[in-house]
Amino acid sequence: MRSVFMLLCLLLSVTLHAAEAPPLQIASLGDFKLENGDVIQDAKIAYRTAGTLNADRSNVILFPTWFTGTSEELFTSDAVGAVDTSQFFLITVDALANGISSSPSNSTQQPQRNFPVVSIGDMVQSQHQLLTEVLDITHLHAVIGISMGGMQAYEWVTTYPEFMDRAVPIVGSPRLASYDLLLWTAQLIALEQALDCDCNETTALEVAGMISHLALYSPDFHARQDPHDQGAALLKDGRAGGMTLAINDRVAQLQAMIAHDVSTSFDGEWPATADAVKAEILAVVGTYDHMVTPGPALTFAELTNSQTLVLDNDCGHQSFRCEQNRAFEEIRAFLSTP
């Protein structure tokens, strides 16, 4: 989330080493067919690269964006710091509907509410097409993602199980728990009602932002950080956070997350879904994450015999950033192990 990571750059300025983002590149995918049968006309995917592709093209790491985030922010927030670009060729990809890749806000042929409903699976399929048809990459060393990016990582290992060797979903989920669904659906309804009644979109975005910010950190974190402002800072930050993405783009990505469930292609059976996974997984979760609760990721890790990194701090969904040095060290070790 844009406001989230802008705030973290200030809060964690001692540990962050933000870098200028590499140039944005745009790939045309033509008319892109979605899982629901609809088509994004003249679809485009934005991406950035860092590092050097080796001779046998075996050192590629894919890093898709989080909810409302951009590939630029992956660099400027140092979220990509877990990837050693002296060793790996990093491709960061703007997920569909983030306002950079094809989205309701930038589509000329299917603008705003005429834009088709997209899924996490569609995001991954568009990335697969980018890799194989545009960049001539047929295998990944790893896929990494944070939050909604982590959801895409889970989709990758189940939809294209032979395509990557490793995956690192960070505070992501293979399917949302009931608490997560309540949170994201509350935001979605606030936005859809404003659109349906042609009401004040700014107010609706601010409400959605406050709902999101409510679950970003744990109550203990907020009490410790600023116990005396009576919520003024939280309200301000929440309202600002809701304004970081155009309303129909935000709706589109919320719809994708709410529908996300990697077991759908396996008749809802988690054991069968887990059996399909070939990649080694390091699942990074926050014990007190109230935005993407850790239960489904931990269950899936057990089913797939995966490694876990459990961050037991009070930073909630930002647990990864509050223990960034430790997380980076463990992720780098996981990526580099033969």
C-alpha atoms as a PDB file:
ATOM      1  CA  MET A   1       0.000   0.000   0.000  1.00  0.00           C
ATOM      2  CA  ARG A   2       1.489   3.294  -1.067  1.00  0.00           C
ATOM      3  CA  SER A   3       0.843   5.369   2.047  1.00  0.00           C
ATOM      4  CA  VAL A   4       1.954   2.455   4.199  1.00  0.00           C
ATOM      5  CA  PHE A   5       5.384   2.184   2.696  1.00  0.00           C
ATOM      6  CA  MET A   6       5.891   5.936   2.429  1.00  0.00           C
ATOM      7  CA  LEU A   7       5.245   6.075   6.167  1.00  0.00           C
ATOM      8  CA  LEU A   8       7.614   3.195   6.801  1.00  0.00           C
ATOM      9  CA  CYS A   9      10.379   4.929   4.910  1.00  0.00           C
ATOM     10  CA  LEU A  10      10.161   7.657   7.530  1.00  0.00           C
ATOM     11  CA  LEU A  11       9.708   5.408  10.543  1.00  0.00           C
ATOM     12  CA  LEU A  12      12.519   3.063   9.571  1.00  0.00           C
ATOM     13  CA  SER A  13      14.940   5.529   8.010  1.00  0.00           C
ATOM     14  CA  VAL A  14      17.810   4.061   9.999  1.00  0.00           C
ATOM     15  CA  THR A  15      17.479   0.618   8.385  1.00  0.00           C
ATOM     16  CA  LEU A  16      16.154   1.479   4.943  1.00  0.00           C
ATOM     17  CA  HIS A  17      18.479   2.244   2.078  1.00  0.00           C
ATOM     18  CA  ALA A  18      16.034   3.362  -0.590  1.00  0.00           C
ATOM     19  CA  ALA A  19      17.277   3.373  -4.156  1.00  0.00           C
ATOM     20  CA  GLU A  20      16.167   5.120  -7.276  1.00  0.00           C
ATOM     21  CA  ALA A  21      13.953   2.844  -9.327  1.00  0.00           C
ATOM     22  CA  PRO A  22      15.246   1.569 -12.694  1.00  0.00           C
ATOM     23  CA  PRO A  23      13.424   2.821 -15.807  1.00  0.00           C
ATOM     24  CA  LEU A  24       9.827   1.747 -16.324  1.00  0.00           C
ATOM     25  CA  GLN A  25       9.225  -0.515 -19.304  1.00  0.00           C
ATOM     26  CA  ILE A  26       5.864  -1.321 -20.902  1.00  0.00           C
ATOM     27  CA  ALA A  27       5.015  -4.578 -22.651  1.00  0.00           C
ATOM     28  CA  SER A  28       1.991  -5.031 -24.906  1.00  0.00           C
ATOM     29  CA  LEU A  29       0.107  -8.309 -24.469  1.00  0.00           C
ATOM     30  CA  GLY A  30      -2.575  -7.715 -27.081  1.00  0.00           C
ATOM     31  CA  ASP A  31      -6.117  -8.747 -26.195  1.00  0.00           C
ATOM     32  CA  PHE A  32      -5.660 -10.611 -22.931  1.00  0.00           C
ATOM     33  CA  LYS A  33      -8.230 -13.286 -22.041  1.00  0.00           C
ATOM     34  CA  LEU A  34      -9.188 -13.490 -18.376  1.00  0.00           C
ATOM     35  CA  GLU A  35     -10.165 -16.480 -16.258  1.00  0.00           C
ATOM     36  CA  ASN A  36     -13.815 -15.430 -16.366  1.00  0.00           C
ATOM     37  CA  GLY A  37     -13.813 -15.363 -20.168  1.00  0.00           C
ATOM     38  CA  ASP A  38     -13.725 -11.571 -20.509  1.00  0.00           C
ATOM     39  CA  VAL A  39     -10.927  -9.802 -22.357  1.00  0.00           C
ATOM     40  CA  ILE A  40      -8.738  -6.817 -21.531  1.00  0.00           C
ATOM     41  CA  GLN A  41      -8.369  -5.110 -24.863  1.00  0.00           C
ATOM     42  CA  ASP A  42      -4.854  -4.029 -25.803  1.00  0.00           C
ATOM     43  CA  ALA A  43      -3.487  -5.119 -22.415  1.00  0.00           C
ATOM     44  CA  LYS A  44      -0.235  -3.656 -21.171  1.00  0.00           C
ATOM     45  CA  ILE A  45       2.067  -4.752 -18.355  1.00  0.00           C
ATOM     46  CA  ALA A  46       4.637  -2.457 -16.771  1.00  0.00           C
ATOM     47  CA  TYR A  47       7.875  -3.712 -15.267  1.00  0.00           C
ATOM     48  CA  ARG A  48      11.385  -2.750 -14.170  1.00  0.00           C
ATOM     49  CA  THR A  49      14.574  -4.789 -14.093  1.00  0.00           C
ATOM     50  CA  ALA A  50      17.755  -4.707 -12.024  1.00  0.00           C
ATOM     51  CA  GLY A  51      20.889  -6.826 -12.098  1.00  0.00           C
ATOM     52  CA  THR A  52      22.304  -8.875 -14.951  1.00  0.00           C
ATOM     53  CA  LEU A  53      20.701 -11.855 -16.657  1.00  0.00           C
ATOM     54  CA  ASN A  54      23.198 -14.716 -16.731  1.00  0.00           C
ATOM     55  CA  ALA A  55      24.092 -16.722 -19.833  1.00  0.00           C
ATOM     56  CA  ASP A  56      21.679 -19.594 -19.218  1.00  0.00           C
ATOM     57  CA  ARG A  57      18.897 -17.253 -18.002  1.00  0.00           C
ATOM     58  CA  SER A  58      18.626 -19.164 -14.728  1.00  0.00           C
ATOM     59  CA  ASN A  59      19.003 -16.340 -12.189  1.00  0.00           C
ATOM     60  CA  VAL A  60      15.671 -14.564 -12.613  1.00  0.00           C
ATOM     61  CA  ILE A  61      13.573 -13.482  -9.627  1.00  0.00           C
ATOM     62  CA  LEU A  62      10.075 -12.087 -10.149  1.00  0.00           C
ATOM     63  CA  PHE A  63       8.679  -9.578  -7.651  1.00  0.00           C
ATOM     64  CA  PRO A  64       5.045  -8.450  -8.239  1.00  0.00           C
ATOM     65  CA  THR A  65       3.498  -5.484  -6.445  1.00  0.00           C
ATOM     66  CA  TRP A  66       1.344  -5.341  -3.324  1.00  0.00           C
ATOM     67  CA  PHE A  67      -2.195  -3.932  -3.049  1.00  0.00           C
ATOM     68  CA  THR A  68      -2.227  -0.394  -4.553  1.00  0.00           C
ATOM     69  CA  GLY A  69       1.571  -0.513  -4.917  1.00  0.00           C
ATOM     70  CA  THR A  70       3.817   0.136  -7.898  1.00  0.00           C
ATOM     71  CA  SER A  71       7.093  -1.295  -9.141  1.00  0.00           C
ATOM     72  CA  GLU A  72       8.704   2.063  -8.425  1.00  0.00           C
ATOM     73  CA  GLU A  73       7.761   1.791  -4.763  1.00  0.00           C
ATOM     74  CA  LEU A  74       9.271  -1.673  -4.529  1.00  0.00           C
ATOM     75  CA  PHE A  75      12.611   0.057  -5.088  1.00  0.00           C
ATOM     76  CA  THR A  76      12.117   3.372  -3.311  1.00  0.00           C
ATOM     77  CA  SER A  77      10.870   1.604  -0.159  1.00  0.00           C
ATOM     78  CA  ASP A  78      13.715  -0.944  -0.412  1.00  0.00           C
ATOM     79  CA  ALA A  79      11.209  -3.806  -0.355  1.00  0.00           C
ATOM     80  CA  VAL A  80      13.409  -5.485  -2.964  1.00  0.00           C
ATOM     81  CA  GLY A  81      16.408  -5.354  -0.636  1.00  0.00           C
ATOM     82  CA  ALA A  82      16.070  -9.064   0.054  1.00  0.00           C
ATOM     83  CA  VAL A  83      17.264  -9.744  -3.494  1.00  0.00           C
ATOM     84  CA  ASP A  84      20.985  -9.503  -4.178  1.00  0.00           C
ATOM     85  CA  THR A  85      21.059  -8.006  -7.680  1.00  0.00           C
ATOM     86  CA  SER A  86      24.772  -8.769  -7.997  1.00  0.00           C
ATOM     87  CA  GLN A  87      23.696 -12.424  -8.053  1.00  0.00           C
ATOM     88  CA  PHE A  88      20.147 -12.338  -9.444  1.00  0.00           C
ATOM     89  CA  PHE A  89      18.288 -10.648 -12.284  1.00  0.00           C
ATOM     90  CA  LEU A  90      15.277  -8.983 -10.682  1.00  0.00           C
ATOM     91  CA  ILE A  91      12.043  -8.263 -12.534  1.00  0.00           C
ATOM     92  CA  THR A  92       9.464  -6.220 -10.660  1.00  0.00           C
ATOM     93  CA  VAL A  93       6.009  -6.205 -12.225  1.00  0.00           C
ATOM     94  CA  ASP A  94       3.100  -3.826 -11.772  1.00  0.00           C
ATOM     95  CA  ALA A  95       0.044  -5.989 -11.083  1.00  0.00           C
ATOM     96  CA  LEU A  96      -3.049  -5.459 -13.190  1.00  0.00           C
ATOM     97  CA  ALA A  97      -5.307  -2.628 -11.982  1.00  0.00           C
ATOM     98  CA  ASN A  98      -2.606  -0.747 -10.085  1.00  0.00           C
ATOM     99  CA  GLY A  99      -2.900   2.328 -12.295  1.00  0.00           C
ATOM    100  CA  ILE A 100       0.345   1.591 -14.184  1.00  0.00           C
ATOM    101  CA  SER A 101      -0.358  -1.709 -15.928  1.00  0.00           C
ATOM    102  CA  SER A 102      -3.765  -2.014 -17.612  1.00  0.00           C
ATOM    103  CA  SER A 103      -6.333  -0.635 -15.188  1.00  0.00           C
ATOM    104  CA  PRO A 104      -9.784   0.915 -15.076  1.00  0.00           C
ATOM    105  CA  SER A 105      -8.183   4.354 -14.690  1.00  0.00           C
ATOM    106  CA  ASN A 106      -5.902   4.163 -17.734  1.00  0.00           C
ATOM    107  CA  SER A 107      -7.820   2.008 -20.205  1.00  0.00           C
ATOM    108  CA  THR A 108      -8.962   3.921 -23.269  1.00  0.00           C
ATOM    109  CA  GLN A 109     -11.189   1.152 -24.642  1.00  0.00           C
ATOM    110  CA  GLN A 110     -12.669  -0.113 -21.337  1.00  0.00           C
ATOM    111  CA  PRO A 111     -12.444   2.826 -18.939  1.00  0.00           C
ATOM    112  CA  GLN A 112     -13.504   2.863 -15.311  1.00  0.00           C
ATOM    113  CA  ARG A 113     -16.465   0.538 -14.595  1.00  0.00           C
ATOM    114  CA  ASN A 114     -16.326  -0.865 -18.122  1.00  0.00           C
ATOM    115  CA  PHE A 115     -13.049  -2.558 -17.229  1.00  0.00           C
ATOM    116  CA  PRO A 116     -13.496  -6.321 -16.725  1.00  0.00           C
ATOM    117  CA  VAL A 117     -13.160  -7.982 -13.326  1.00  0.00           C
ATOM    118  CA  VAL A 118      -9.683  -9.402 -12.849  1.00  0.00           C
ATOM    119  CA  SER A 119      -8.360 -12.061 -10.480  1.00  0.00           C
ATOM    120  CA  ILE A 120      -5.061 -12.841  -8.791  1.00  0.00           C
ATOM    121  CA  GLY A 121      -4.801 -15.652 -11.340  1.00  0.00           C
ATOM    122  CA  ASP A 122      -5.136 -13.112 -14.164  1.00  0.00           C
ATOM    123  CA  MET A 123      -2.323 -11.061 -12.659  1.00  0.00           C
ATOM    124  CA  VAL A 124      -0.100 -14.141 -12.635  1.00  0.00           C
ATOM    125  CA  GLN A 125      -1.121 -15.189 -16.147  1.00  0.00           C
ATOM    126  CA  SER A 126      -0.239 -11.732 -17.461  1.00  0.00           C
ATOM    127  CA  GLN A 127       3.173 -12.007 -15.781  1.00  0.00           C
ATOM    128  CA  HIS A 128       3.693 -15.468 -17.266  1.00  0.00           C
ATOM    129  CA  GLN A 129       2.908 -14.069 -20.704  1.00  0.00           C
ATOM    130  CA  LEU A 130       5.320 -11.181 -20.124  1.00  0.00           C
ATOM    131  CA  LEU A 131       8.099 -13.575 -19.145  1.00  0.00           C
ATOM    132  CA  THR A 132       7.632 -16.211 -21.832  1.00  0.00           C
ATOM    133  CA  GLU A 133       6.448 -14.189 -24.832  1.00  0.00           C
ATOM    134  CA  VAL A 134       8.149 -10.836 -24.320  1.00  0.00           C
ATOM    135  CA  LEU A 135      11.285 -11.508 -22.267  1.00  0.00           C
ATOM    136  CA  ASP A 136      11.976 -15.082 -23.447  1.00  0.00           C
ATOM    137  CA  ILE A 137      12.248 -16.392 -19.892  1.00  0.00           C
ATOM    138  CA  THR A 138      10.952 -19.915 -19.369  1.00  0.00           C
ATOM    139  CA  HIS A 139      11.992 -20.529 -15.776  1.00  0.00           C
ATOM    140  CA  LEU A 140      12.369 -18.520 -12.575  1.00  0.00           C
ATOM    141  CA  HIS A 141      14.797 -19.031  -9.770  1.00  0.00           C
ATOM    142  CA  ALA A 142      12.167 -17.554  -7.450  1.00  0.00           C
ATOM    143  CA  VAL A 143       9.056 -15.462  -7.103  1.00  0.00           C
ATOM    144  CA  ILE A 144       8.714 -13.115  -4.142  1.00  0.00           C
ATOM    145  CA  GLY A 145       5.829 -10.904  -3.091  1.00  0.00           C
ATOM    146  CA  ILE A 146       4.545  -8.898  -0.150  1.00  0.00           C
ATOM    147  CA  SER A 147       0.856  -8.915   0.907  1.00  0.00           C
ATOM    148  CA  MET A 148      -1.121  -9.100  -2.366  1.00  0.00           C
ATOM    149  CA  GLY A 149       2.241  -9.854  -3.965  1.00  0.00           C
ATOM    150  CA  GLY A 150       2.444 -12.842  -1.630  1.00  0.00           C
ATOM    151  CA  MET A 151      -0.969 -13.954  -2.861  1.00  0.00           C
ATOM    152  CA  GLN A 152       0.431 -13.848  -6.380  1.00  0.00           C
ATOM    153  CA  ALA A 153       3.411 -15.936  -5.235  1.00  0.00           C
ATOM    154  CA  TYR A 154       1.024 -18.624  -3.956  1.00  0.00           C
ATOM    155  CA  GLU A 155      -0.841 -18.487  -7.251  1.00  0.00           C
ATOM    156  CA  TRP A 156       2.427 -18.944  -9.136  1.00  0.00           C
ATOM    157  CA  VAL A 157       3.459 -22.106  -7.257  1.00  0.00           C
ATOM    158  CA  THR A 158       0.077 -23.754  -7.760  1.00  0.00           C
ATOM    159  CA  THR A 159      -0.706 -22.618 -11.317  1.00  0.00           C
ATOM    160  CA  TYR A 160       2.796 -23.035 -12.740  1.00  0.00           C
ATOM    161  CA  PRO A 161       4.392 -25.477 -10.296  1.00  0.00           C
ATOM    162  CA  GLU A 162       7.360 -26.320 -12.551  1.00  0.00           C
ATOM    163  CA  PHE A 163       8.135 -22.731 -13.501  1.00  0.00           C
ATOM    164  CA  MET A 164      10.156 -21.700 -10.433  1.00  0.00           C
ATOM    165  CA  ASP A 165      12.530 -23.314  -7.968  1.00  0.00           C
ATOM    166  CA  ARG A 166      11.606 -21.223  -4.927  1.00  0.00           C
ATOM    167  CA  ALA A 167       8.946 -18.871  -3.630  1.00  0.00           C
ATOM    168  CA  VAL A 168       8.858 -16.364  -0.782  1.00  0.00           C
ATOM    169  CA  PRO A 169       5.330 -15.159   0.014  1.00  0.00           C
ATOM    170  CA  ILE A 170       5.671 -12.405   2.632  1.00  0.00           C
ATOM    171  CA  VAL A 171       2.596 -11.669   4.794  1.00  0.00           C
ATOM    172  CA  GLY A 172       0.545 -13.168   1.966  1.00  0.00           C
ATOM    173  CA  SER A 173      -2.035 -15.931   1.919  1.00  0.00           C
ATOM    174  CA  PRO A 174      -3.044 -18.872  -0.272  1.00  0.00           C
ATOM    175  CA  ARG A 175      -6.644 -17.903   0.477  1.00  0.00           C
ATOM    176  CA  LEU A 176      -8.083 -15.295   2.777  1.00  0.00           C
ATOM    177  CA  ALA A 177      -9.337 -16.180   6.240  1.00  0.00           C
ATOM    178  CA  SER A 178     -12.761 -14.993   7.373  1.00  0.00           C
ATOM    179  CA  TYR A 179     -11.335 -12.005   9.264  1.00  0.00           C
ATOM    180  CA  ASP A 180      -9.409 -10.903   6.174  1.00  0.00           C
ATOM    181  CA  LEU A 181     -12.526 -11.198   4.044  1.00  0.00           C
ATOM    182  CA  LEU A 182     -14.449  -9.007   6.483  1.00  0.00           C
ATOM    183  CA  LEU A 183     -11.771  -6.316   6.322  1.00  0.00           C
ATOM    184  CA  TRP A 184     -11.430  -6.226   2.542  1.00  0.00           C
ATOM    185  CA  THR A 185     -15.174  -6.554   1.906  1.00  0.00           C
ATOM    186  CA  ALA A 186     -15.897  -3.590   4.200  1.00  0.00           C
ATOM    187  CA  GLN A 187     -13.585  -1.466   2.072  1.00  0.00           C
ATOM    188  CA  LEU A 188     -15.107  -2.743  -1.141  1.00  0.00           C
ATOM    189  CA  ILE A 189     -18.677  -2.032  -0.081  1.00  0.00           C
ATOM    190  CA  ALA A 190     -17.793   1.515   0.958  1.00  0.00           C
ATOM    191  CA  LEU A 191     -16.353   2.177  -2.490  1.00  0.00           C
ATOM    192  CA  GLU A 192     -19.036   0.397  -4.503  1.00  0.00           C
ATOM    193  CA  GLN A 193     -21.834   2.226  -2.715  1.00  0.00           C
ATOM    194  CA  ALA A 194     -20.253   5.560  -3.584  1.00  0.00           C
ATOM    195  CA  LEU A 195     -19.962   4.513  -7.213  1.00  0.00           C
ATOM    196  CA  ASP A 196     -23.519   3.172  -7.364  1.00  0.00           C
ATOM    197  CA  CYS A 197     -25.070   6.341  -6.015  1.00  0.00           C
ATOM    198  CA  ASP A 198     -22.678   8.715  -7.793  1.00  0.00           C
ATOM    199  CA  CYS A 199     -21.708  10.050  -4.370  1.00  0.00           C
ATOM    200  CA  ASN A 200     -18.560  11.721  -3.104  1.00  0.00           C
ATOM    201  CA  GLU A 201     -15.697   9.448  -4.175  1.00  0.00           C
ATOM    202  CA  THR A 202     -13.157  11.254  -2.020  1.00  0.00           C
ATOM    203  CA  THR A 203     -15.079  10.496   1.155  1.00  0.00           C
ATOM    204  CA  ALA A 204     -15.498   6.855   0.154  1.00  0.00           C
ATOM    205  CA  LEU A 205     -11.773   6.514  -0.531  1.00  0.00           C
ATOM    206  CA  GLU A 206     -10.962   8.093   2.814  1.00  0.00           C
ATOM    207  CA  VAL A 207     -13.290   5.657   4.592  1.00  0.00           C
ATOM    208  CA  ALA A 208     -11.712   2.710   2.781  1.00  0.00           C
ATOM    209  CA  GLY A 209      -8.293   4.015   3.724  1.00  0.00           C
ATOM    210  CA  MET A 210      -9.243   4.285   7.387  1.00  0.00           C
ATOM    211  CA  ILE A 211     -10.625   0.739   7.376  1.00  0.00           C
ATOM    212  CA  SER A 212      -7.363  -0.474   5.879  1.00  0.00           C
ATOM    213  CA  HIS A 213      -5.198   1.519   8.282  1.00  0.00           C
ATOM    214  CA  LEU A 214      -7.178   0.160  11.218  1.00  0.00           C
ATOM    215  CA  ALA A 215      -5.724  -3.280  10.544  1.00  0.00           C
ATOM    216  CA  LEU A 216      -2.277  -2.254   9.373  1.00  0.00           C
ATOM    217  CA  TYR A 217      -0.592  -2.404  12.777  1.00  0.00           C
ATOM    218  CA  SER A 218      -1.626  -4.056  16.015  1.00  0.00           C
ATOM    219  CA  PRO A 219      -3.411  -2.064  18.759  1.00  0.00           C
ATOM    220  CA  ASP A 220      -0.369  -2.527  20.978  1.00  0.00           C
ATOM    221  CA  PHE A 221       1.860  -0.951  18.356  1.00  0.00           C
ATOM    222  CA  HIS A 222      -0.326   2.145  18.144  1.00  0.00           C
ATOM    223  CA  ALA A 223      -0.599   2.426  21.921  1.00  0.00           C
ATOM    224  CA  ARG A 224       3.176   2.292  22.195  1.00  0.00           C
ATOM    225  CA  GLN A 225       3.878   4.700  19.353  1.00  0.00           C
ATOM    226  CA  ASP A 226       1.508   7.496  20.277  1.00  0.00           C
ATOM    227  CA  PRO A 227      -0.887   6.797  23.144  1.00  0.00           C
ATOM    228  CA  HIS A 228      -2.064  10.393  23.633  1.00  0.00           C
ATOM    229  CA  ASP A 229      -3.238  11.784  20.296  1.00  0.00           C
ATOM    230  CA  GLN A 230      -6.714  10.211  20.550  1.00  0.00           C
ATOM    231  CA  GLY A 231      -6.400   8.652  17.135  1.00  0.00           C
ATOM    232  CA  ALA A 232      -5.778  11.895  15.248  1.00  0.00           C
ATOM    233  CA  ALA A 233      -2.688  10.589  13.464  1.00  0.00           C
ATOM    234  CA  LEU A 234      -4.401   7.316  12.581  1.00  0.00           C
ATOM    235  CA  LEU A 235      -7.352   9.141  11.051  1.00  0.00           C
ATOM    236  CA  LYS A 236      -5.072  11.439   9.070  1.00  0.00           C
ATOM    237  CA  ASP A 237      -2.874   8.619   7.790  1.00  0.00           C
ATOM    238  CA  GLY A 238      -5.881   6.444   7.000  1.00  0.00           C
ATOM    239  CA  ARG A 239      -7.587   9.155   4.958  1.00  0.00           C
ATOM    240  CA  ALA A 240      -4.376   9.856   3.056  1.00  0.00           C
ATOM    241  CA  GLY A 241      -3.825   6.152   2.422  1.00  0.00           C
ATOM    242  CA  GLY A 242      -7.207   5.825   0.787  1.00  0.00           C
ATOM    243  CA  MET A 243      -6.270   8.437  -1.812  1.00  0.00           C
ATOM    244  CA  THR A 244      -3.255   6.586  -3.228  1.00  0.00           C
ATOM    245  CA  LEU A 245      -5.171   4.739  -5.943  1.00  0.00           C
ATOM    246  CA  ALA A 246      -8.070   5.729  -8.193  1.00  0.00           C
ATOM    247  CA  ILE A 247     -11.388   4.394  -6.915  1.00  0.00           C
ATOM    248  CA  ASN A 248     -12.090   1.884  -9.695  1.00  0.00           C
ATOM    249  CA  ASP A 249      -8.517   0.576  -9.577  1.00  0.00           C
ATOM    250  CA  ARG A 250      -8.850   0.046  -5.842  1.00  0.00           C
ATOM    251  CA  VAL A 251     -12.170  -1.741  -6.349  1.00  0.00           C
ATOM    252  CA  ALA A 252     -10.614  -4.016  -8.983  1.00  0.00           C
ATOM    253  CA  GLN A 253      -7.720  -5.091  -6.767  1.00  0.00           C
ATOM    254  CA  LEU A 254     -10.018  -5.573  -3.757  1.00  0.00           C
ATOM    255  CA  GLN A 255     -12.253  -7.832  -5.843  1.00  0.00           C
ATOM    256  CA  ALA A 256      -9.218  -9.860  -6.907  1.00  0.00           C
ATOM    257  CA  MET A 257      -8.014 -10.381  -3.330  1.00  0.00           C
ATOM    258  CA  ILE A 258     -11.443 -11.262  -1.976  1.00  0.00           C
ATOM    259  CA  ALA A 259     -11.893 -13.969  -4.642  1.00  0.00           C
ATOM    260  CA  HIS A 260      -8.373 -15.348  -4.170  1.00  0.00           C
ATOM    261  CA  ASP A 261      -8.151 -19.057  -3.316  1.00  0.00           C
ATOM    262  CA  VAL A 262      -5.441 -21.255  -4.813  1.00  0.00           C
ATOM    263  CA  SER A 263      -7.475 -24.397  -4.141  1.00  0.00           C
ATOM    264  CA  THR A 264     -10.224 -23.391  -6.584  1.00  0.00           C
ATOM    265  CA  SER A 265      -8.619 -25.345  -9.419  1.00  0.00           C
ATOM    266  CA  PHE A 266      -8.408 -28.379  -7.125  1.00  0.00           C
ATOM    267  CA  ASP A 267     -12.098 -28.502  -6.132  1.00  0.00           C
ATOM    268  CA  GLY A 268     -11.298 -26.665  -2.921  1.00  0.00           C
ATOM    269  CA  GLU A 269      -9.155 -29.521  -1.629  1.00  0.00           C
ATOM    270  CA  TRP A 270      -6.065 -28.233   0.153  1.00  0.00           C
ATOM    271  CA  PRO A 271      -4.161 -31.557   0.260  1.00  0.00           C
ATOM    272  CA  ALA A 272      -4.489 -31.871  -3.531  1.00  0.00           C
ATOM    273  CA  THR A 273      -3.470 -28.230  -3.949  1.00  0.00           C
ATOM    274  CA  ALA A 274      -0.424 -28.738  -1.747  1.00  0.00           C
ATOM    275  CA  ASP A 275       0.549 -31.891  -3.621  1.00  0.00           C
ATOM    276  CA  ALA A 276       0.769 -29.874  -6.836  1.00  0.00           C
ATOM    277  CA  VAL A 277       3.463 -27.577  -5.426  1.00  0.00           C
ATOM    278  CA  LYS A 278       7.008 -28.336  -6.589  1.00  0.00           C
ATOM    279  CA  ALA A 279       8.848 -25.184  -5.512  1.00  0.00           C
ATOM    280  CA  GLU A 280      10.548 -24.797  -2.167  1.00  0.00           C
ATOM    281  CA  ILE A 281       8.694 -22.186  -0.135  1.00  0.00           C
ATOM    282  CA  LEU A 282       9.741 -19.838   2.638  1.00  0.00           C
ATOM    283  CA  ALA A 283       6.509 -18.408   4.064  1.00  0.00           C
ATOM    284  CA  VAL A 284       7.017 -15.190   6.039  1.00  0.00           C
ATOM    285  CA  VAL A 285       4.149 -14.325   8.382  1.00  0.00           C
ATOM    286  CA  GLY A 286       3.399 -11.958  11.249  1.00  0.00           C
ATOM    287  CA  THR A 287       1.879 -13.519  14.364  1.00  0.00           C
ATOM    288  CA  TYR A 288      -0.245 -10.440  15.050  1.00  0.00           C
ATOM    289  CA  ASP A 289      -1.082  -9.575  11.441  1.00  0.00           C
ATOM    290  CA  HIS A 290      -4.694  -8.349  11.434  1.00  0.00           C
ATOM    291  CA  MET A 291      -4.766  -7.532   7.720  1.00  0.00           C
ATOM    292  CA  VAL A 292      -3.705 -10.856   6.199  1.00  0.00           C
ATOM    293  CA  THR A 293      -3.957 -13.208   9.138  1.00  0.00           C
ATOM    294  CA  PRO A 294      -1.267 -15.915   9.208  1.00  0.00           C
ATOM    295  CA  GLY A 295      -3.412 -19.017   9.699  1.00  0.00           C
ATOM    296  CA  PRO A 296      -3.899 -20.060   6.050  1.00  0.00           C
ATOM    297  CA  ALA A 297      -0.223 -19.485   5.192  1.00  0.00           C
ATOM    298  CA  LEU A 298       0.934 -21.554   8.174  1.00  0.00           C
ATOM    299  CA  THR A 299      -1.487 -24.360   7.347  1.00  0.00           C
ATOM    300  CA  PHE A 300      -0.323 -24.414   3.740  1.00  0.00           C
ATOM    301  CA  ALA A 301       3.309 -24.405   4.873  1.00  0.00           C
ATOM    302  CA  GLU A 302       2.626 -27.491   6.970  1.00  0.00           C
ATOM    303  CA  LEU A 303       0.883 -29.233   4.077  1.00  0.00           C
ATOM    304  CA  THR A 304       3.763 -28.479   1.704  1.00  0.00           C
ATOM    305  CA  ASN A 305       6.492 -29.115   4.272  1.00  0.00           C
ATOM    306  CA  SER A 306       7.715 -25.566   3.710  1.00  0.00           C
ATOM    307  CA  GLN A 307      10.024 -23.382   5.736  1.00  0.00           C
ATOM    308  CA  THR A 308       8.490 -20.558   7.752  1.00  0.00           C
ATOM    309  CA  LEU A 309       9.738 -17.309   9.213  1.00  0.00           C
ATOM    310  CA  VAL A 310       7.334 -16.251  11.955  1.00  0.00           C
ATOM    311  CA  LEU A 311       7.769 -12.642  13.070  1.00  0.00           C
ATOM    312  CA  ASP A 312       6.422 -12.357  16.584  1.00  0.00           C
ATOM    313  CA  ASN A 313       6.463  -8.555  16.950  1.00  0.00           C
ATOM    314  CA  ASP A 314       3.563  -6.156  17.487  1.00  0.00           C
ATOM    315  CA  CYS A 315       3.837  -4.463  14.076  1.00  0.00           C
ATOM    316  CA  GLY A 316       0.930  -6.394  12.582  1.00  0.00           C
ATOM    317  CA  HIS A 317       0.918  -6.469   8.786  1.00  0.00           C
ATOM    318  CA  GLN A 318       4.185  -4.516   8.854  1.00  0.00           C
ATOM    319  CA  SER A 319       5.998  -7.172  10.896  1.00  0.00           C
ATOM    320  CA  PHE A 320       8.319  -7.782   7.958  1.00  0.00           C
ATOM    321  CA  ARG A 321       9.432  -4.161   7.917  1.00  0.00           C
ATOM    322  CA  CYS A 322       9.901  -3.963  11.676  1.00  0.00           C
ATOM    323  CA  GLU A 323      12.351  -6.887  11.502  1.00  0.00           C
ATOM    324  CA  GLN A 324      13.649  -6.104   8.060  1.00  0.00           C
ATOM    325  CA  ASN A 325      17.311  -6.894   8.652  1.00  0.00           C
ATOM    326  CA  ARG A 326      16.510 -10.333  10.061  1.00  0.00           C
ATOM    327  CA  ALA A 327      13.989 -11.032   7.307  1.00  0.00           C
ATOM    328  CA  PHE A 328      16.365  -9.942   4.548  1.00  0.00           C
ATOM    329  CA  GLU A 329      19.137 -12.132   5.954  1.00  0.00           C
ATOM    330  CA  GLU A 330      16.944 -15.239   6.067  1.00  0.00           C
ATOM    331  CA  ILE A 331      15.424 -14.620   2.634  1.00  0.00           C
ATOM    332  CA  ARG A 332      18.825 -14.066   1.054  1.00  0.00           C
ATOM    333  CA  ALA A 333      20.104 -17.273   2.607  1.00  0.00           C
ATOM    334  CA  PHE A 334      17.046 -19.169   1.352  1.00  0.00           C
ATOM    335  CA  LEU A 335      17.494 -17.805  -2.174  1.00  0.00           C
ATOM    336  CA  SER A 336      21.207 -18.568  -2.297  1.00  0.00           C
ATOM    337  CA  THR A 337      21.160 -22.091  -0.894  1.00  0.00           C
ATOM    338  CA  PRO A 338      22.066 -24.595  -3.649  1.00  0.00           C
END
